[in-house]
């Protein structure tokens, strides 16, 4: 298993480190990578909208699944949307893309789990 010693893993989700089902599975996944694959805890990085205090975590509201742009998308899903909505969606998407890009580059991520 020596090939995994230097791999850097990124885990992206809206909520990490809380007492919900997804957070529990994320913790189980990280623990399995540490125990079974011998990946160092320092090589596992987290990106989320919200997280309890933990090692190697970046946060940004853009990943919150109840953010303002998502609420607008849902509101206008079957209706004619305001013209500015397309630009707002694009701006949010580009912001998310840049946050992910910076996270990957800064932490030298080899594998991103979402």
Protein backbone atom coordinates (compact mmCIF):
# COMPACT_ATOMS: atom_id res chain seq x y z
CA UNK A 1 0.00 0.00 0.00
CA UNK A 2 3.00 2.32 -0.21
CA UNK A 3 1.60 3.93 -3.37
CA UNK A 4 -1.01 5.76 -1.26
CA UNK A 5 1.43 7.36 1.20
CA UNK A 6 1.72 10.62 -0.71
CA UNK A 7 -1.71 10.91 -2.32
CA UNK A 8 -3.71 13.99 -1.39
CA UNK A 9 -7.48 13.51 -1.13
CA UNK A 10 -10.03 16.32 -1.26
CA UNK A 11 -13.55 15.82 0.06
CA UNK A 12 -16.19 18.35 -0.99
CA UNK A 13 -19.67 18.62 0.48
CA UNK A 14 -21.99 21.30 1.81
CA UNK A 15 -21.77 20.18 5.45
CA UNK A 16 -18.89 18.29 7.06
CA UNK A 17 -18.18 17.27 10.62
CA UNK A 18 -21.67 17.53 12.04
CA UNK A 19 -24.01 14.82 13.33
CA UNK A 20 -25.87 14.19 10.06
CA UNK A 21 -25.70 11.08 7.89
CA UNK A 22 -23.41 12.49 5.19
CA UNK A 23 -20.95 13.86 7.75
CA UNK A 24 -20.83 10.49 9.48
CA UNK A 25 -20.13 8.71 6.17
CA UNK A 26 -17.44 11.27 5.29
CA UNK A 27 -15.75 10.61 8.64
CA UNK A 28 -16.03 6.85 8.08
CA UNK A 29 -14.49 7.25 4.62
CA UNK A 30 -11.60 9.33 5.95
CA UNK A 31 -11.00 6.85 8.77
CA UNK A 32 -10.98 3.94 6.29
CA UNK A 33 -8.45 5.75 4.08
CA UNK A 34 -6.25 6.39 7.13
CA UNK A 35 -6.54 2.87 8.53
CA UNK A 36 -6.77 0.68 5.44
CA UNK A 37 -4.86 2.69 2.85
CA UNK A 38 -2.38 4.26 5.28
CA UNK A 39 -3.10 7.77 3.98
CA UNK A 40 -1.94 10.38 6.46
CA UNK A 41 -4.64 12.53 8.05
CA UNK A 42 -2.60 15.50 6.86
CA UNK A 43 -3.20 14.37 3.27
CA UNK A 44 -6.99 14.47 3.56
CA UNK A 45 -8.46 17.91 2.92
CA UNK A 46 -12.06 19.08 3.30
CA UNK A 47 -13.98 21.78 1.42
CA UNK A 48 -17.47 22.68 2.62
CA UNK A 49 -19.91 25.48 3.20
CA UNK A 50 -20.03 24.67 6.91
CA UNK A 51 -17.86 22.48 9.07
CA UNK A 52 -17.15 21.88 12.71
CA UNK A 53 -13.58 22.86 13.57
CA UNK A 54 -11.28 20.27 12.03
CA UNK A 55 -7.87 19.88 10.52
CA UNK A 56 -7.38 20.78 6.83
CA UNK A 57 -10.76 22.38 6.19
CA UNK A 58 -11.65 25.26 3.88
CA UNK A 59 -15.14 26.75 3.93
CA UNK A 60 -17.07 28.91 1.51
CA UNK A 61 -20.79 29.72 1.54
CA UNK A 62 -21.03 28.99 -2.19
CA UNK A 63 -21.30 25.27 -1.35
CA UNK A 64 -24.28 25.68 0.99
CA UNK A 65 -27.17 23.76 -0.51
CA UNK A 66 -29.65 26.40 0.66
CA UNK A 67 -27.88 29.48 -0.69
CA UNK A 68 -29.71 32.41 -2.23
CA UNK A 69 -29.09 31.46 -5.86
CA UNK A 70 -30.43 27.93 -5.36
CA UNK A 71 -33.55 29.35 -3.74
CA UNK A 72 -34.07 31.58 -6.79
CA UNK A 73 -33.56 28.66 -9.17
CA UNK A 74 -36.18 26.65 -7.29
CA UNK A 75 -38.56 29.63 -7.16
CA UNK A 76 -38.41 30.15 -10.93
CA UNK A 77 -38.01 26.52 -11.98
CA UNK A 78 -41.32 26.33 -13.86
CA UNK A 79 -41.77 30.06 -14.40
CA UNK A 80 -40.23 32.78 -16.48
CA UNK A 81 -37.16 33.86 -14.57
CA UNK A 82 -35.83 37.40 -14.27
CA UNK A 83 -33.21 38.24 -16.88
CA UNK A 84 -30.52 38.79 -14.26
CA UNK A 85 -30.89 35.22 -12.93
CA UNK A 86 -28.75 33.75 -15.72
CA UNK A 87 -25.92 36.13 -14.87
CA UNK A 88 -26.27 35.40 -11.14
CA UNK A 89 -26.10 31.64 -11.77
CA UNK A 90 -23.03 32.10 -13.95
CA UNK A 91 -21.32 34.31 -11.35
CA UNK A 92 -21.96 31.77 -8.59
CA UNK A 93 -20.77 28.90 -10.79
CA UNK A 94 -17.55 30.74 -11.65
CA UNK A 95 -16.96 31.56 -7.98
CA UNK A 96 -17.43 27.88 -7.04
CA UNK A 97 -15.10 26.84 -9.87
CA UNK A 98 -12.40 29.24 -8.64
CA UNK A 99 -12.72 28.13 -5.02
CA UNK A 100 -12.39 24.48 -6.07
CA UNK A 101 -9.46 25.29 -8.37
CA UNK A 102 -7.62 27.15 -5.60
CA UNK A 103 -8.38 24.38 -3.10
CA UNK A 104 -7.01 21.72 -5.48
CA UNK A 105 -3.90 23.71 -6.38
CA UNK A 106 -3.09 24.83 -2.82
CA UNK A 107 -3.48 21.33 -1.36
CA UNK A 108 -2.04 19.50 -4.39
CA UNK A 109 -5.18 17.33 -4.56
CA UNK A 110 -4.81 14.09 -6.55
CA UNK A 111 -8.38 12.84 -6.04
CA UNK A 112 -11.49 14.92 -5.32
CA UNK A 113 -14.48 13.17 -3.76
CA UNK A 114 -17.85 14.88 -3.96
